[in-house]
Amino acid sequence: MITKDMIIGDIIRSFPATIPIFDKYKLDCYECQIADLETLEHGAGVHKISVDALLEELNRNQSP
């Protein structure tokens, strides 16, 4: 299960099927150097995205 305190880069590496969800929310995190340092919650906040809505979609599409 993906949680809001997980590092974005770790999510993408562990669950590559989530990349289209990041794209849908206009988060090109897989190209960002900060993805290896930033939590999902912080990244969502910086981009003014609901972390709860993002988490819900990411967890529905987390197959490795």
PDB file of N, CA and C in Angstrom:
ATOM      1  N   MET A   1       0.841  -1.194   0.000  1.00  0.00           N
ATOM      2  CA  MET A   1       0.000   0.000   0.000  1.00  0.00           C
ATOM      3  C   MET A   1       0.878   1.246   0.000  1.00  0.00           C
ATOM      4  N   ILE A   2       0.531   2.180  -0.834  1.00  0.00           N
ATOM      5  CA  ILE A   2       1.242   3.448  -0.927  1.00  0.00           C
ATOM      6  C   ILE A   2       0.680   4.383   0.138  1.00  0.00           C
ATOM      7  N   THR A   3       1.578   5.075   0.838  1.00  0.00           N
ATOM      8  CA  THR A   3       1.161   6.013   1.880  1.00  0.00           C
ATOM      9  C   THR A   3       1.718   7.404   1.575  1.00  0.00           C
ATOM     10  N   LYS A   4       1.137   8.409   2.211  1.00  0.00           N
ATOM     11  CA  LYS A   4       1.527   9.788   1.930  1.00  0.00           C
ATOM     12  C   LYS A   4       2.937  10.127   2.406  1.00  0.00           C
ATOM     13  N   ASP A   5       3.500   9.314   3.294  1.00  0.00           N
ATOM     14  CA  ASP A   5       4.842   9.604   3.785  1.00  0.00           C
ATOM     15  C   ASP A   5       5.934   8.878   2.994  1.00  0.00           C
ATOM     16  N   MET A   6       5.546   8.178   1.934  1.00  0.00           N
ATOM     17  CA  MET A   6       6.525   7.487   1.091  1.00  0.00           C
ATOM     18  C   MET A   6       7.211   8.480   0.159  1.00  0.00           C
ATOM     19  N   ILE A   7       8.466   8.178  -0.187  1.00  0.00           N
ATOM     20  CA  ILE A   7       9.226   8.998  -1.120  1.00  0.00           C
ATOM     21  C   ILE A   7       8.720   8.729  -2.547  1.00  0.00           C
ATOM     22  N   ILE A   8       8.494   9.785  -3.294  1.00  0.00           N
ATOM     23  CA  ILE A   8       7.923   9.661  -4.639  1.00  0.00           C
ATOM     24  C   ILE A   8       8.767   8.750  -5.524  1.00  0.00           C
ATOM     25  N   GLY A   9      10.073   8.922  -5.514  1.00  0.00           N
ATOM     26  CA  GLY A   9      10.946   8.088  -6.343  1.00  0.00           C
ATOM     27  C   GLY A   9      10.811   6.616  -6.006  1.00  0.00           C
ATOM     28  N   ASP A  10      10.664   6.298  -4.724  1.00  0.00           N
ATOM     29  CA  ASP A  10      10.489   4.907  -4.296  1.00  0.00           C
ATOM     30  C   ASP A  10       9.171   4.344  -4.821  1.00  0.00           C
ATOM     31  N   ILE A  11       8.133   5.157  -4.805  1.00  0.00           N
ATOM     32  CA  ILE A  11       6.826   4.722  -5.313  1.00  0.00           C
ATOM     33  C   ILE A  11       6.942   4.369  -6.792  1.00  0.00           C
ATOM     34  N   ILE A  12       7.548   5.250  -7.546  1.00  0.00           N
ATOM     35  CA  ILE A  12       7.659   5.050  -8.993  1.00  0.00           C
ATOM     36  C   ILE A  12       8.502   3.821  -9.314  1.00  0.00           C
ATOM     37  N   ARG A  13       9.602   3.623  -8.595  1.00  0.00           N
ATOM     38  CA  ARG A  13      10.447   2.445  -8.834  1.00  0.00           C
ATOM     39  C   ARG A  13       9.748   1.154  -8.424  1.00  0.00           C
ATOM     40  N   SER A  14       9.033   1.176  -7.315  1.00  0.00           N
ATOM     41  CA  SER A  14       8.360  -0.026  -6.822  1.00  0.00           C
ATOM     42  C   SER A  14       7.071  -0.328  -7.573  1.00  0.00           C
ATOM     43  N   PHE A  15       6.411   0.705  -8.036  1.00  0.00           N
ATOM     44  CA  PHE A  15       5.107   0.551  -8.691  1.00  0.00           C
ATOM     45  C   PHE A  15       5.069   1.356  -9.992  1.00  0.00           C
ATOM     46  N   PRO A  16       5.780   0.913 -11.026  1.00  0.00           N
ATOM     47  CA  PRO A  16       5.836   1.684 -12.267  1.00  0.00           C
ATOM     48  C   PRO A  16       4.473   1.888 -12.930  1.00  0.00           C
ATOM     49  N   ALA A  17       3.501   1.072 -12.597  1.00  0.00           N
ATOM     50  CA  ALA A  17       2.156   1.237 -13.164  1.00  0.00           C
ATOM     51  C   ALA A  17       1.496   2.526 -12.668  1.00  0.00           C
ATOM     52  N   THR A  18       2.084   3.188 -11.690  1.00  0.00           N
ATOM     53  CA  THR A  18       1.521   4.442 -11.179  1.00  0.00           C
ATOM     54  C   THR A  18       1.927   5.653 -12.024  1.00  0.00           C
ATOM     55  N   ILE A  19       2.867   5.495 -12.929  1.00  0.00           N
ATOM     56  CA  ILE A  19       3.339   6.634 -13.721  1.00  0.00           C
ATOM     57  C   ILE A  19       2.194   7.341 -14.456  1.00  0.00           C
ATOM     58  N   PRO A  20       1.257   6.628 -15.088  1.00  0.00           N
ATOM     59  CA  PRO A  20       0.145   7.343 -15.744  1.00  0.00           C
ATOM     60  C   PRO A  20      -0.705   8.168 -14.777  1.00  0.00           C
ATOM     61  N   ILE A  21      -0.777   7.742 -13.519  1.00  0.00           N
ATOM     62  CA  ILE A  21      -1.533   8.511 -12.518  1.00  0.00           C
ATOM     63  C   ILE A  21      -0.797   9.811 -12.208  1.00  0.00           C
ATOM     64  N   PHE A  22       0.523   9.724 -12.035  1.00  0.00           N
ATOM     65  CA  PHE A  22       1.300  10.948 -11.826  1.00  0.00           C
ATOM     66  C   PHE A  22       1.125  11.882 -13.027  1.00  0.00           C
ATOM     67  N   ASP A  23       1.130  11.324 -14.232  1.00  0.00           N
ATOM     68  CA  ASP A  23       0.916  12.133 -15.442  1.00  0.00           C
ATOM     69  C   ASP A  23      -0.460  12.786 -15.427  1.00  0.00           C
ATOM     70  N   LYS A  24      -1.473  12.025 -15.053  1.00  0.00           N
ATOM     71  CA  LYS A  24      -2.846  12.549 -15.016  1.00  0.00           C
ATOM     72  C   LYS A  24      -2.942  13.793 -14.131  1.00  0.00           C
ATOM     73  N   TYR A  25      -2.190  13.775 -13.025  1.00  0.00           N
ATOM     74  CA  TYR A  25      -2.199  14.900 -12.093  1.00  0.00           C
ATOM     75  C   TYR A  25      -1.152  15.956 -12.451  1.00  0.00           C
ATOM     76  N   LYS A  26      -0.552  15.802 -13.643  1.00  0.00           N
ATOM     77  CA  LYS A  26       0.470  16.738 -14.138  1.00  0.00           C
ATOM     78  C   LYS A  26       1.700  16.774 -13.227  1.00  0.00           C
ATOM     79  N   LEU A  27       2.042  15.616 -12.684  1.00  0.00           N
ATOM     80  CA  LEU A  27       3.232  15.473 -11.849  1.00  0.00           C
ATOM     81  C   LEU A  27       4.247  14.638 -12.627  1.00  0.00           C
ATOM     82  N   ASP A  28       5.221  15.288 -13.218  1.00  0.00           N
ATOM     83  CA  ASP A  28       6.234  14.558 -13.972  1.00  0.00           C
ATOM     84  C   ASP A  28       7.388  14.168 -13.049  1.00  0.00           C
ATOM     85  N   CYS A  29       7.026  13.540 -11.952  1.00  0.00           N
ATOM     86  CA  CYS A  29       7.964  13.194 -10.888  1.00  0.00           C
ATOM     87  C   CYS A  29       9.082  12.260 -11.347  1.00  0.00           C
ATOM     88  N   TYR A  30       8.815  11.414 -12.314  1.00  0.00           N
ATOM     89  CA  TYR A  30       9.827  10.471 -12.775  1.00  0.00           C
ATOM     90  C   TYR A  30      10.966  11.188 -13.492  1.00  0.00           C
ATOM     91  N   GLU A  31      10.792  12.451 -13.827  1.00  0.00           N
ATOM     92  CA  GLU A  31      11.841  13.243 -14.457  1.00  0.00           C
ATOM     93  C   GLU A  31      12.468  14.241 -13.491  1.00  0.00           C
ATOM     94  N   CYS A  32      11.989  14.292 -12.277  1.00  0.00           N
ATOM     95  CA  CYS A  32      12.412  15.310 -11.309  1.00  0.00           C
ATOM     96  C   CYS A  32      13.453  14.758 -10.345  1.00  0.00           C
ATOM     97  N   GLN A  33      14.522  15.516 -10.132  1.00  0.00           N
ATOM     98  CA  GLN A  33      15.579  15.092  -9.212  1.00  0.00           C
ATOM     99  C   GLN A  33      15.095  15.067  -7.759  1.00  0.00           C
ATOM    100  N   ILE A  34      14.124  15.864  -7.432  1.00  0.00           N
ATOM    101  CA  ILE A  34      13.633  15.947  -6.055  1.00  0.00           C
ATOM    102  C   ILE A  34      12.801  14.721  -5.681  1.00  0.00           C
ATOM    103  N   ALA A  35      12.362  13.958  -6.666  1.00  0.00           N
ATOM    104  CA  ALA A  35      11.520  12.786  -6.402  1.00  0.00           C
ATOM    105  C   ALA A  35      12.183  11.789  -5.457  1.00  0.00           C
ATOM    106  N   ASP A  36      13.509  11.777  -5.413  1.00  0.00           N
ATOM    107  CA  ASP A  36      14.206  10.856  -4.519  1.00  0.00           C
ATOM    108  C   ASP A  36      14.321  11.390  -3.095  1.00  0.00           C
ATOM    109  N   LEU A  37      13.827  12.589  -2.867  1.00  0.00           N
ATOM    110  CA  LEU A  37      13.904  13.201  -1.538  1.00  0.00           C
ATOM    111  C   LEU A  37      12.541  13.602  -0.985  1.00  0.00           C
ATOM    112  N   GLU A  38      11.571  13.747  -1.850  1.00  0.00           N
ATOM    113  CA  GLU A  38      10.286  14.340  -1.478  1.00  0.00           C
ATOM    114  C   GLU A  38       9.213  13.284  -1.198  1.00  0.00           C
ATOM    115  N   THR A  39       8.455  13.507  -0.131  1.00  0.00           N
ATOM    116  CA  THR A  39       7.337  12.605   0.155  1.00  0.00           C
ATOM    117  C   THR A  39       6.159  12.925  -0.748  1.00  0.00           C
ATOM    118  N   LEU A  40       5.288  11.970  -0.900  1.00  0.00           N
ATOM    119  CA  LEU A  40       4.092  12.163  -1.713  1.00  0.00           C
ATOM    120  C   LEU A  40       3.258  13.321  -1.169  1.00  0.00           C
ATOM    121  N   GLU A  41       3.114  13.375   0.131  1.00  0.00           N
ATOM    122  CA  GLU A  41       2.316  14.442   0.740  1.00  0.00           C
ATOM    123  C   GLU A  41       2.899  15.820   0.427  1.00  0.00           C
ATOM    124  N   HIS A  42       4.198  15.953   0.554  1.00  0.00           N
ATOM    125  CA  HIS A  42       4.821  17.248   0.286  1.00  0.00           C
ATOM    126  C   HIS A  42       4.697  17.614  -1.191  1.00  0.00           C
ATOM    127  N   GLY A  43       4.969  16.664  -2.078  1.00  0.00           N
ATOM    128  CA  GLY A  43       4.863  16.916  -3.507  1.00  0.00           C
ATOM    129  C   GLY A  43       3.457  17.325  -3.914  1.00  0.00           C
ATOM    130  N   ALA A  44       2.468  16.647  -3.375  1.00  0.00           N
ATOM    131  CA  ALA A  44       1.072  16.988  -3.680  1.00  0.00           C
ATOM    132  C   ALA A  44       0.764  18.396  -3.177  1.00  0.00           C
ATOM    133  N   GLY A  45       1.234  18.713  -1.984  1.00  0.00           N
ATOM    134  CA  GLY A  45       0.991  20.039  -1.415  1.00  0.00           C
ATOM    135  C   GLY A  45       1.622  21.150  -2.231  1.00  0.00           C
ATOM    136  N   VAL A  46       2.850  20.932  -2.672  1.00  0.00           N
ATOM    137  CA  VAL A  46       3.552  21.935  -3.480  1.00  0.00           C
ATOM    138  C   VAL A  46       2.792  22.215  -4.775  1.00  0.00           C
ATOM    139  N   HIS A  47       2.196  21.161  -5.342  1.00  0.00           N
ATOM    140  CA  HIS A  47       1.476  21.303  -6.608  1.00  0.00           C
ATOM    141  C   HIS A  47      -0.028  21.524  -6.411  1.00  0.00           C
ATOM    142  N   LYS A  48      -0.424  21.727  -5.155  1.00  0.00           N
ATOM    143  CA  LYS A  48      -1.831  22.023  -4.808  1.00  0.00           C
ATOM    144  C   LYS A  48      -2.794  20.939  -5.288  1.00  0.00           C
ATOM    145  N   ILE A  49      -2.395  19.689  -5.036  1.00  0.00           N
ATOM    146  CA  ILE A  49      -3.190  18.522  -5.404  1.00  0.00           C
ATOM    147  C   ILE A  49      -3.644  17.839  -4.120  1.00  0.00           C
ATOM    148  N   SER A  50      -4.856  17.336  -4.112  1.00  0.00           N
ATOM    149  CA  SER A  50      -5.357  16.605  -2.951  1.00  0.00           C
ATOM    150  C   SER A  50      -4.572  15.311  -2.786  1.00  0.00           C
ATOM    151  N   VAL A  51      -3.829  15.202  -1.691  1.00  0.00           N
ATOM    152  CA  VAL A  51      -3.046  13.988  -1.461  1.00  0.00           C
ATOM    153  C   VAL A  51      -3.967  12.781  -1.288  1.00  0.00           C
ATOM    154  N   ASP A  52      -5.155  12.996  -0.735  1.00  0.00           N
ATOM    155  CA  ASP A  52      -6.089  11.879  -0.542  1.00  0.00           C
ATOM    156  C   ASP A  52      -6.593  11.338  -1.881  1.00  0.00           C
ATOM    157  N   ALA A  53      -6.941  12.228  -2.803  1.00  0.00           N
ATOM    158  CA  ALA A  53      -7.404  11.795  -4.120  1.00  0.00           C
ATOM    159  C   ALA A  53      -6.275  11.101  -4.877  1.00  0.00           C
ATOM    160  N   LEU A  54      -5.080  11.664  -4.807  1.00  0.00           N
ATOM    161  CA  LEU A  54      -3.922  11.064  -5.467  1.00  0.00           C
ATOM    162  C   LEU A  54      -3.629   9.689  -4.893  1.00  0.00           C
ATOM    163  N   LEU A  55      -3.629   9.571  -3.578  1.00  0.00           N
ATOM    164  CA  LEU A  55      -3.375   8.284  -2.921  1.00  0.00           C
ATOM    165  C   LEU A  55      -4.394   7.226  -3.330  1.00  0.00           C
ATOM    166  N   GLU A  56      -5.644   7.618  -3.391  1.00  0.00           N
ATOM    167  CA  GLU A  56      -6.694   6.675  -3.757  1.00  0.00           C
ATOM    168  C   GLU A  56      -6.417   6.090  -5.146  1.00  0.00           C
ATOM    169  N   GLU A  57      -6.091   6.949  -6.090  1.00  0.00           N
ATOM    170  CA  GLU A  57      -5.821   6.465  -7.449  1.00  0.00           C
ATOM    171  C   GLU A  57      -4.537   5.666  -7.521  1.00  0.00           C
ATOM    172  N   LEU A  58      -3.502   6.119  -6.834  1.00  0.00           N
ATOM    173  CA  LEU A  58      -2.244   5.384  -6.855  1.00  0.00           C
ATOM    174  C   LEU A  58      -2.425   3.968  -6.296  1.00  0.00           C
ATOM    175  N   ASN A  59      -3.168   3.847  -5.230  1.00  0.00           N
ATOM    176  CA  ASN A  59      -3.364   2.532  -4.608  1.00  0.00           C
ATOM    177  C   ASN A  59      -4.239   1.619  -5.451  1.00  0.00           C
ATOM    178  N   ARG A  60      -5.083   2.174  -6.292  1.00  0.00           N
ATOM    179  CA  ARG A  60      -5.879   1.340  -7.200  1.00  0.00           C
ATOM    180  C   ARG A  60      -5.021   0.819  -8.348  1.00  0.00           C
ATOM    181  N   ASN A  61      -3.903   1.466  -8.615  1.00  0.00           N
ATOM    182  CA  ASN A  61      -3.074   1.135  -9.777  1.00  0.00           C
ATOM    183  C   ASN A  61      -1.637   0.815  -9.381  1.00  0.00           C
ATOM    184  N   GLN A  62      -1.446   0.148  -8.272  1.00  0.00           N
ATOM    185  CA  GLN A  62      -0.095  -0.046  -7.761  1.00  0.00           C
ATOM    186  C   GLN A  62       0.571  -1.351  -8.172  1.00  0.00           C
ATOM    187  N   SER A  63      -0.016  -2.119  -9.048  1.00  0.00           N
ATOM    188  CA  SER A  63       0.630  -3.382  -9.412  1.00  0.00           C
ATOM    189  C   SER A  63       2.025  -3.115  -9.958  1.00  0.00           C
ATOM    190  N   PRO A  64       3.010  -3.923  -9.520  1.00  0.00           N
ATOM    191  CA  PRO A  64       4.398  -3.687  -9.941  1.00  0.00           C
ATOM    192  C   PRO A  64       4.616  -3.945 -11.414  1.00  0.00           C
TER     193      PRO A  64
END
